[in-house]
Amino acid sequence: VEVPTIDGKSKIKIPEGTQNGKVFRLREKGITQSGRRGSEI
């Protein structure tokens, strides 16, 4: 599936049998502060 990020579009793989509330972490897709960048959850 295609998901939005603040960098633009990205894609993630949905495993077979994914349940509601499943969480994926996209590293280095969050807010940059003091040289470090957070994640998109």
All heavy atoms as atom14 arrays in JSON, in Angstrom:
{
  "sequence": "VEVPTIDGKSKIKIPEGTQNGKVFRLREKGITQSGRRGSEI",
  "atom14_mask": [
    [1, 1, 1, 1, 1, 1, 1, 0, 0, 0, 0, 0, 0, 0],
    [1, 1, 1, 1, 1, 1, 1, 1, 1, 0, 0, 0, 0, 0],
    [1, 1, 1, 1, 1, 1, 1, 0, 0, 0, 0, 0, 0, 0],
    [1, 1, 1, 1, 1, 1, 1, 0, 0, 0, 0, 0, 0, 0],
    [1, 1, 1, 1, 1, 1, 1, 0, 0, 0, 0, 0, 0, 0],
    [1, 1, 1, 1, 1, 1, 1, 1, 0, 0, 0, 0, 0, 0],
    [1, 1, 1, 1, 1, 1, 1, 1, 0, 0, 0, 0, 0, 0],
    [1, 1, 1, 1, 0, 0, 0, 0, 0, 0, 0, 0, 0, 0],
    [1, 1, 1, 1, 1, 1, 1, 1, 1, 0, 0, 0, 0, 0],
    [1, 1, 1, 1, 1, 1, 0, 0, 0, 0, 0, 0, 0, 0],
    [1, 1, 1, 1, 1, 1, 1, 1, 1, 0, 0, 0, 0, 0],
    [1, 1, 1, 1, 1, 1, 1, 1, 0, 0, 0, 0, 0, 0],
    [1, 1, 1, 1, 1, 1, 1, 1, 1, 0, 0, 0, 0, 0],
    [1, 1, 1, 1, 1, 1, 1, 1, 0, 0, 0, 0, 0, 0],
    [1, 1, 1, 1, 1, 1, 1, 0, 0, 0, 0, 0, 0, 0],
    [1, 1, 1, 1, 1, 1, 1, 1, 1, 0, 0, 0, 0, 0],
    [1, 1, 1, 1, 0, 0, 0, 0, 0, 0, 0, 0, 0, 0],
    [1, 1, 1, 1, 1, 1, 1, 0, 0, 0, 0, 0, 0, 0],
    [1, 1, 1, 1, 1, 1, 1, 1, 1, 0, 0, 0, 0, 0],
    [1, 1, 1, 1, 1, 1, 1, 1, 0, 0, 0, 0, 0, 0],
    [1, 1, 1, 1, 0, 0, 0, 0, 0, 0, 0, 0, 0, 0],
    [1, 1, 1, 1, 1, 1, 1, 1, 1, 0, 0, 0, 0, 0],
    [1, 1, 1, 1, 1, 1, 1, 0, 0, 0, 0, 0, 0, 0],
    [1, 1, 1, 1, 1, 1, 1, 1, 1, 1, 1, 0, 0, 0],
    [1, 1, 1, 1, 1, 1, 1, 1, 1, 1, 1, 0, 0, 0],
    [1, 1, 1, 1, 1, 1, 1, 1, 0, 0, 0, 0, 0, 0],
    [1, 1, 1, 1, 1, 1, 1, 1, 1, 1, 1, 0, 0, 0],
    [1, 1, 1, 1, 1, 1, 1, 1, 1, 0, 0, 0, 0, 0],
    [1, 1, 1, 1, 1, 1, 1, 1, 1, 0, 0, 0, 0, 0],
    [1, 1, 1, 1, 0, 0, 0, 0, 0, 0, 0, 0, 0, 0],
    [1, 1, 1, 1, 1, 1, 1, 1, 0, 0, 0, 0, 0, 0],
    [1, 1, 1, 1, 1, 1, 1, 0, 0, 0, 0, 0, 0, 0],
    [1, 1, 1, 1, 1, 1, 1, 1, 1, 0, 0, 0, 0, 0],
    [1, 1, 1, 1, 1, 1, 0, 0, 0, 0, 0, 0, 0, 0],
    [1, 1, 1, 1, 0, 0, 0, 0, 0, 0, 0, 0, 0, 0],
    [1, 1, 1, 1, 1, 1, 1, 1, 1, 1, 1, 0, 0, 0],
    [1, 1, 1, 1, 1, 1, 1, 1, 1, 1, 1, 0, 0, 0],
    [1, 1, 1, 1, 0, 0, 0, 0, 0, 0, 0, 0, 0, 0],
    [1, 1, 1, 1, 1, 1, 0, 0, 0, 0, 0, 0, 0, 0],
    [1, 1, 1, 1, 1, 1, 1, 1, 1, 0, 0, 0, 0, 0],
    [1, 1, 1, 1, 1, 1, 1, 1, 0, 0, 0, 0, 0, 0]
  ],
  "atom14_positions": [
    [[0.84, -1.2, 0.0], [0.0, 0.0, 0.0], [0.87, 1.24, 0.0], [2.0, 1.25, 0.51], [-0.96, 0.03, 1.21], [-1.92, -1.13, 1.19], [-0.18, 0.07, 2.52], [0.0, 0.0, 0.0], [0.0, 0.0, 0.0], [0.0, 0.0, 0.0], [0.0, 0.0, 0.0], [0.0, 0.0, 0.0], [0.0, 0.0, 0.0], [0.0, 0.0, 0.0]],
    [[0.34, 2.28, -0.58], [1.03, 3.57, -0.64], [0.69, 4.39, 0.59], [-0.48, 4.5, 0.97], [0.61, 4.31, -1.91], [1.49, 5.49, -2.26], [1.1, 6.08, -3.61], [0.08, 6.8, -3.65], [1.82, 5.82, -4.61], [0.0, 0.0, 0.0], [0.0, 0.0, 0.0], [0.0, 0.0, 0.0], [0.0, 0.0, 0.0], [0.0, 0.0, 0.0]],
    [[1.69, 4.96, 1.24], [1.47, 5.76, 2.45], [2.12, 7.13, 2.29], [3.12, 7.27, 1.58], [2.03, 5.06, 3.71], [1.31, 3.74, 3.95], [3.53, 4.85, 3.58], [0.0, 0.0, 0.0], [0.0, 0.0, 0.0], [0.0, 0.0, 0.0], [0.0, 0.0, 0.0], [0.0, 0.0, 0.0], [0.0, 0.0, 0.0], [0.0, 0.0, 0.0]],
    [[1.57, 8.15, 2.94], [2.16, 9.49, 2.85], [3.27, 9.67, 3.88], [3.21, 9.14, 4.99], [0.98, 10.4, 3.17], [0.15, 9.6, 4.13], [0.3, 8.16, 3.71], [0.0, 0.0, 0.0], [0.0, 0.0, 0.0], [0.0, 0.0, 0.0], [0.0, 0.0, 0.0], [0.0, 0.0, 0.0], [0.0, 0.0, 0.0], [0.0, 0.0, 0.0]],
    [[4.29, 10.42, 3.53], [5.33, 10.85, 4.47], [5.59, 12.33, 4.19], [5.19, 12.86, 3.14], [6.64, 10.06, 4.31], [7.31, 10.48, 3.11], [6.37, 8.56, 4.24], [0.0, 0.0, 0.0], [0.0, 0.0, 0.0], [0.0, 0.0, 0.0], [0.0, 0.0, 0.0], [0.0, 0.0, 0.0], [0.0, 0.0, 0.0], [0.0, 0.0, 0.0]],
    [[6.27, 13.01, 5.1], [6.56, 14.43, 4.85], [7.62, 14.61, 3.78], [7.88, 15.72, 3.34], [6.98, 15.14, 6.15], [8.13, 14.41, 6.83], [5.81, 15.31, 7.08], [8.62, 15.12, 8.07], [0.0, 0.0, 0.0], [0.0, 0.0, 0.0], [0.0, 0.0, 0.0], [0.0, 0.0, 0.0], [0.0, 0.0, 0.0], [0.0, 0.0, 0.0]],
    [[8.23, 13.48, 3.34], [9.18, 13.52, 2.22], [8.48, 13.27, 0.89], [9.06, 13.45, -0.16], [10.27, 12.46, 2.41], [11.15, 12.77, 3.61], [11.69, 13.88, 3.67], [11.28, 11.91, 4.49], [0.0, 0.0, 0.0], [0.0, 0.0, 0.0], [0.0, 0.0, 0.0], [0.0, 0.0, 0.0], [0.0, 0.0, 0.0], [0.0, 0.0, 0.0]],
    [[7.24, 12.8, 0.95], [6.53, 12.42, -0.27], [5.89, 11.05, -0.11], [5.66, 10.58, 1.01], [0.0, 0.0, 0.0], [0.0, 0.0, 0.0], [0.0, 0.0, 0.0], [0.0, 0.0, 0.0], [0.0, 0.0, 0.0], [0.0, 0.0, 0.0], [0.0, 0.0, 0.0], [0.0, 0.0, 0.0], [0.0, 0.0, 0.0], [0.0, 0.0, 0.0]],
    [[5.62, 10.39, -1.23], [4.97, 9.08, -1.18], [5.99, 7.98, -0.87], [7.16, 8.07, -1.2], [4.32, 8.77, -2.53], [3.19, 9.72, -2.91], [2.64, 9.38, -4.28], [1.53, 10.34, -4.69], [1.01, 10.03, -6.05], [0.0, 0.0, 0.0], [0.0, 0.0, 0.0], [0.0, 0.0, 0.0], [0.0, 0.0, 0.0], [0.0, 0.0, 0.0]],
    [[5.48, 6.93, -0.2], [6.3, 5.77, 0.1], [5.39, 4.55, 0.1], [4.16, 4.67, 0.1], [6.97, 5.92, 1.47], [7.86, 4.86, 1.72], [0.0, 0.0, 0.0], [0.0, 0.0, 0.0], [0.0, 0.0, 0.0], [0.0, 0.0, 0.0], [0.0, 0.0, 0.0], [0.0, 0.0, 0.0], [0.0, 0.0, 0.0], [0.0, 0.0, 0.0]],
    [[5.97, 3.36, 0.06], [5.18, 2.13, 0.05], [5.62, 1.21, 1.18], [6.81, 1.16, 1.52], [5.32, 1.41, -1.3], [4.64, 2.13, -2.46], [4.72, 1.32, -3.74], [3.99, 2.01, -4.87], [4.04, 1.23, -6.14], [0.0, 0.0, 0.0], [0.0, 0.0, 0.0], [0.0, 0.0, 0.0], [0.0, 0.0, 0.0], [0.0, 0.0, 0.0]],
    [[4.65, 0.52, 1.76], [4.96, -0.48, 2.78], [4.29, -1.79, 2.41], [3.23, -1.8, 1.74], [4.51, -0.04, 4.19], [2.99, 0.19, 4.23], [5.25, 1.21, 4.64], [2.46, 0.46, 5.63], [0.0, 0.0, 0.0], [0.0, 0.0, 0.0], [0.0, 0.0, 0.0], [0.0, 0.0, 0.0], [0.0, 0.0, 0.0], [0.0, 0.0, 0.0]],
    [[4.88, -2.89, 2.83], [4.32, -4.21, 2.56], [3.41, -4.62, 3.71], [3.8, -4.56, 4.88], [5.43, -5.24, 2.38], [6.19, -5.08, 1.08], [7.21, -6.2, 0.88], [7.93, -6.05, -0.46], [8.92, -7.15, -0.67], [0.0, 0.0, 0.0], [0.0, 0.0, 0.0], [0.0, 0.0, 0.0], [0.0, 0.0, 0.0], [0.0, 0.0, 0.0]],
    [[2.2, -5.02, 3.38], [1.24, -5.49, 4.37], [1.29, -7.02, 4.39], [0.95, -7.67, 3.4], [-0.19, -5.02, 4.03], [-0.25, -3.49, 3.9], [-1.17, -5.51, 5.09], [0.09, -2.73, 5.14], [0.0, 0.0, 0.0], [0.0, 0.0, 0.0], [0.0, 0.0, 0.0], [0.0, 0.0, 0.0], [0.0, 0.0, 0.0], [0.0, 0.0, 0.0]],
    [[1.73, -7.59, 5.52], [1.79, -9.06, 5.58], [0.39, -9.69, 5.51], [-0.6, -9.07, 5.88], [2.45, -9.32, 6.94], [3.07, -8.03, 7.34], [2.22, -6.97, 6.75], [0.0, 0.0, 0.0], [0.0, 0.0, 0.0], [0.0, 0.0, 0.0], [0.0, 0.0, 0.0], [0.0, 0.0, 0.0], [0.0, 0.0, 0.0], [0.0, 0.0, 0.0]],
    [[0.34, -10.92, 5.07], [-0.92, -11.66, 5.04], [-1.45, -11.82, 6.47], [-0.71, -12.12, 7.39], [-0.67, -13.04, 4.43], [-1.9, -13.91, 4.32], [-1.58, -15.26, 3.71], [-0.75, -15.31, 2.77], [-2.14, -16.28, 4.17], [0.0, 0.0, 0.0], [0.0, 0.0, 0.0], [0.0, 0.0, 0.0], [0.0, 0.0, 0.0], [0.0, 0.0, 0.0]],
    [[-2.75, -11.57, 6.66], [-3.37, -11.71, 7.98], [-3.1, -10.53, 8.91], [-3.15, -10.69, 10.14], [0.0, 0.0, 0.0], [0.0, 0.0, 0.0], [0.0, 0.0, 0.0], [0.0, 0.0, 0.0], [0.0, 0.0, 0.0], [0.0, 0.0, 0.0], [0.0, 0.0, 0.0], [0.0, 0.0, 0.0], [0.0, 0.0, 0.0], [0.0, 0.0, 0.0]],
    [[-2.83, -9.36, 8.38], [-2.59, -8.17, 9.21], [-3.84, -7.78, 9.98], [-4.93, -7.69, 9.41], [-2.12, -6.99, 8.34], [-0.84, -7.29, 7.8], [-2.04, -5.7, 9.16], [0.0, 0.0, 0.0], [0.0, 0.0, 0.0], [0.0, 0.0, 0.0], [0.0, 0.0, 0.0], [0.0, 0.0, 0.0], [0.0, 0.0, 0.0], [0.0, 0.0, 0.0]],
    [[-3.7, -7.57, 11.27], [-4.84, -7.22, 12.13], [-4.98, -5.7, 12.26], [-4.03, -4.94, 12.04], [-4.66, -7.84, 13.52], [-4.53, -9.34, 13.51], [-5.76, -10.03, 12.96], [-6.89, -9.7, 13.34], [-5.57, -10.99, 12.07], [0.0, 0.0, 0.0], [0.0, 0.0, 0.0], [0.0, 0.0, 0.0], [0.0, 0.0, 0.0], [0.0, 0.0, 0.0]],
    [[-6.18, -5.29, 12.64], [-6.44, -3.87, 12.88], [-5.54, -3.37, 14.03], [-5.4, -4.03, 15.05], [-7.91, -3.67, 13.26], [-8.27, -2.2, 13.36], [-8.17, -1.47, 12.4], [-8.71, -1.79, 14.54], [0.0, 0.0, 0.0], [0.0, 0.0, 0.0], [0.0, 0.0, 0.0], [0.0, 0.0, 0.0], [0.0, 0.0, 0.0], [0.0, 0.0, 0.0]],
    [[-4.93, -2.19, 13.84], [-4.05, -1.63, 14.87], [-2.59, -2.0, 14.71], [-1.76, -1.56, 15.52], [0.0, 0.0, 0.0], [0.0, 0.0, 0.0], [0.0, 0.0, 0.0], [0.0, 0.0, 0.0], [0.0, 0.0, 0.0], [0.0, 0.0, 0.0], [0.0, 0.0, 0.0], [0.0, 0.0, 0.0], [0.0, 0.0, 0.0], [0.0, 0.0, 0.0]],
    [[-2.27, -2.79, 13.7], [-0.87, -3.14, 13.44], [-0.06, -1.87, 13.22], [-0.48, -0.95, 12.54], [-0.79, -4.04, 12.2], [0.61, -4.38, 11.72], [1.32, -5.35, 12.63], [2.66, -5.76, 12.03], [3.4, -6.69, 12.94], [0.0, 0.0, 0.0], [0.0, 0.0, 0.0], [0.0, 0.0, 0.0], [0.0, 0.0, 0.0], [0.0, 0.0, 0.0]],
    [[1.14, -1.81, 13.83], [1.97, -0.61, 13.76], [3.23, -0.87, 12.94], [3.9, -1.88, 13.12], [2.36, -0.13, 15.18], [3.34, 1.03, 15.11], [1.12, 0.29, 15.96], [0.0, 0.0, 0.0], [0.0, 0.0, 0.0], [0.0, 0.0, 0.0], [0.0, 0.0, 0.0], [0.0, 0.0, 0.0], [0.0, 0.0, 0.0], [0.0, 0.0, 0.0]],
    [[3.53, 0.07, 12.07], [4.76, 0.04, 11.28], [5.57, 1.31, 11.6], [5.0, 2.39, 11.75], [4.46, 0.0, 9.78], [3.76, -1.25, 9.34], [2.38, -1.35, 9.41], [4.49, -2.33, 8.84], [1.73, -2.51, 8.99], [3.84, -3.49, 8.42], [2.46, -3.58, 8.51], [0.0, 0.0, 0.0], [0.0, 0.0, 0.0], [0.0, 0.0, 0.0]],
    [[6.87, 1.17, 11.68], [7.74, 2.32, 11.94], [8.63, 2.58, 10.72], [9.38, 1.69, 10.29], [8.62, 2.07, 13.16], [9.58, 3.22, 13.48], [10.49, 2.87, 14.65], [9.75, 2.84, 15.89], [9.56, 3.89, 16.69], [10.07, 5.07, 16.35], [8.89, 3.77, 17.81], [0.0, 0.0, 0.0], [0.0, 0.0, 0.0], [0.0, 0.0, 0.0]],
    [[8.54, 3.8, 10.2], [9.41, 4.21, 9.11], [10.5, 5.11, 9.7], [10.24, 6.26, 10.08], [8.62, 4.97, 8.03], [7.43, 4.24, 7.41], [6.81, 5.1, 6.32], [7.86, 2.89, 6.83], [0.0, 0.0, 0.0], [0.0, 0.0, 0.0], [0.0, 0.0, 0.0], [0.0, 0.0, 0.0], [0.0, 0.0, 0.0], [0.0, 0.0, 0.0]],
    [[11.68, 4.59, 9.8], [12.77, 5.34, 10.43], [13.25, 6.49, 9.53], [13.19, 6.39, 8.31], [13.93, 4.41, 10.77], [13.51, 3.31, 11.75], [14.69, 2.51, 12.26], [14.25, 1.45, 13.17], [13.94, 1.64, 14.45], [14.05, 2.84, 14.97], [13.55, 0.61, 15.19], [0.0, 0.0, 0.0], [0.0, 0.0, 0.0], [0.0, 0.0, 0.0]],
    [[13.72, 7.55, 10.2], [14.24, 8.73, 9.5], [13.18, 9.4, 8.62], [13.49, 9.98, 7.58], [15.46, 8.36, 8.63], [16.61, 7.76, 9.41], [17.25, 8.77, 10.36], [17.43, 9.93, 9.96], [17.57, 8.38, 11.5], [0.0, 0.0, 0.0], [0.0, 0.0, 0.0], [0.0, 0.0, 0.0], [0.0, 0.0, 0.0], [0.0, 0.0, 0.0]],
    [[11.92, 9.32, 9.03], [10.84, 9.96, 8.29], [10.07, 10.95, 9.17], [8.97, 11.38, 8.8], [9.87, 8.91, 7.73], [10.45, 8.0, 6.66], [10.77, 8.78, 5.4], [11.28, 7.85, 4.3], [11.62, 8.61, 3.06], [0.0, 0.0, 0.0], [0.0, 0.0, 0.0], [0.0, 0.0, 0.0], [0.0, 0.0, 0.0], [0.0, 0.0, 0.0]],
    [[10.63, 11.3, 10.32], [9.96, 12.2, 11.23], [10.53, 13.61, 11.19], [10.99, 14.09, 10.15], [0.0, 0.0, 0.0], [0.0, 0.0, 0.0], [0.0, 0.0, 0.0], [0.0, 0.0, 0.0], [0.0, 0.0, 0.0], [0.0, 0.0, 0.0], [0.0, 0.0, 0.0], [0.0, 0.0, 0.0], [0.0, 0.0, 0.0], [0.0, 0.0, 0.0]],
    [[10.52, 14.27, 12.36], [11.0, 15.65, 12.49], [12.49, 15.67, 12.8], [12.99, 14.88, 13.61], [10.25, 16.38, 13.63], [8.74, 16.31, 13.41], [10.72, 17.82, 13.74], [8.25, 17.03, 12.19], [0.0, 0.0, 0.0], [0.0, 0.0, 0.0], [0.0, 0.0, 0.0], [0.0, 0.0, 0.0], [0.0, 0.0, 0.0], [0.0, 0.0, 0.0]],
    [[13.21, 16.58, 12.14], [14.64, 16.73, 12.39], [14.85, 17.75, 13.51], [14.27, 18.83, 13.5], [15.36, 17.21, 11.12], [15.15, 16.26, 10.07], [16.86, 17.36, 11.38], [0.0, 0.0, 0.0], [0.0, 0.0, 0.0], [0.0, 0.0, 0.0], [0.0, 0.0, 0.0], [0.0, 0.0, 0.0], [0.0, 0.0, 0.0], [0.0, 0.0, 0.0]],
    [[15.69, 17.39, 14.47], [16.01, 18.31, 15.56], [17.39, 17.98, 16.09], [17.68, 16.82, 16.4], [14.97, 18.23, 16.68], [15.1, 19.33, 17.71], [13.98, 19.28, 18.73], [13.74, 18.25, 19.33], [13.32, 20.4, 18.94], [0.0, 0.0, 0.0], [0.0, 0.0, 0.0], [0.0, 0.0, 0.0], [0.0, 0.0, 0.0], [0.0, 0.0, 0.0]],
    [[18.22, 19.0, 16.19], [19.6, 18.84, 16.7], [20.35, 17.76, 15.93], [21.1, 16.97, 16.51], [19.58, 18.51, 18.19], [18.92, 19.53, 18.91], [0.0, 0.0, 0.0], [0.0, 0.0, 0.0], [0.0, 0.0, 0.0], [0.0, 0.0, 0.0], [0.0, 0.0, 0.0], [0.0, 0.0, 0.0], [0.0, 0.0, 0.0], [0.0, 0.0, 0.0]],
    [[20.14, 17.72, 14.62], [20.88, 16.77, 13.79], [20.31, 15.37, 13.76], [20.81, 14.51, 13.03], [0.0, 0.0, 0.0], [0.0, 0.0, 0.0], [0.0, 0.0, 0.0], [0.0, 0.0, 0.0], [0.0, 0.0, 0.0], [0.0, 0.0, 0.0], [0.0, 0.0, 0.0], [0.0, 0.0, 0.0], [0.0, 0.0, 0.0], [0.0, 0.0, 0.0]],
    [[19.29, 15.11, 14.58], [18.68, 13.78, 14.6], [17.25, 13.85, 14.06], [16.55, 14.83, 14.28], [18.67, 13.22, 16.01], [20.06, 12.98, 16.59], [19.98, 12.36, 17.97], [21.3, 12.08, 18.52], [21.51, 11.53, 19.71], [20.46, 11.19, 20.47], [22.72, 11.32, 20.15], [0.0, 0.0, 0.0], [0.0, 0.0, 0.0], [0.0, 0.0, 0.0]],
    [[16.87, 12.77, 13.41], [15.53, 12.75, 12.83], [14.7, 11.61, 13.42], [15.18, 10.49, 13.6], [15.61, 12.59, 11.31], [14.28, 12.85, 10.62], [14.42, 12.92, 9.13], [13.12, 13.18, 8.52], [12.87, 13.14, 7.23], [13.85, 12.86, 6.38], [11.66, 13.38, 6.76], [0.0, 0.0, 0.0], [0.0, 0.0, 0.0], [0.0, 0.0, 0.0]],
    [[13.45, 11.94, 13.73], [12.56, 10.95, 14.29], [11.98, 10.01, 13.24], [12.42, 9.99, 12.09], [0.0, 0.0, 0.0], [0.0, 0.0, 0.0], [0.0, 0.0, 0.0], [0.0, 0.0, 0.0], [0.0, 0.0, 0.0], [0.0, 0.0, 0.0], [0.0, 0.0, 0.0], [0.0, 0.0, 0.0], [0.0, 0.0, 0.0], [0.0, 0.0, 0.0]],
    [[10.97, 9.26, 13.66], [10.34, 8.26, 12.78], [8.9, 8.64, 12.47], [8.31, 9.49, 13.12], [10.36, 6.88, 13.45], [11.68, 6.48, 13.77], [0.0, 0.0, 0.0], [0.0, 0.0, 0.0], [0.0, 0.0, 0.0], [0.0, 0.0, 0.0], [0.0, 0.0, 0.0], [0.0, 0.0, 0.0], [0.0, 0.0, 0.0], [0.0, 0.0, 0.0]],
    [[8.38, 7.98, 11.45], [6.94, 8.08, 11.19], [6.31, 6.77, 11.66], [6.75, 5.68, 11.26], [6.65, 8.3, 9.71], [5.16, 8.36, 9.41], [4.83, 8.69, 7.97], [5.69, 9.26, 7.27], [3.71, 8.35, 7.53], [0.0, 0.0, 0.0], [0.0, 0.0, 0.0], [0.0, 0.0, 0.0], [0.0, 0.0, 0.0], [0.0, 0.0, 0.0]],
    [[5.32, 6.89, 12.53], [4.64, 5.72, 13.07], [3.3, 5.56, 12.35], [2.43, 6.43, 12.44], [4.39, 5.86, 14.59], [5.68, 6.31, 15.3], [3.86, 4.56, 15.16], [6.83, 5.38, 15.16], [0.0, 0.0, 0.0], [0.0, 0.0, 0.0], [0.0, 0.0, 0.0], [0.0, 0.0, 0.0], [0.0, 0.0, 0.0], [0.0, 0.0, 0.0]]
  ]
}
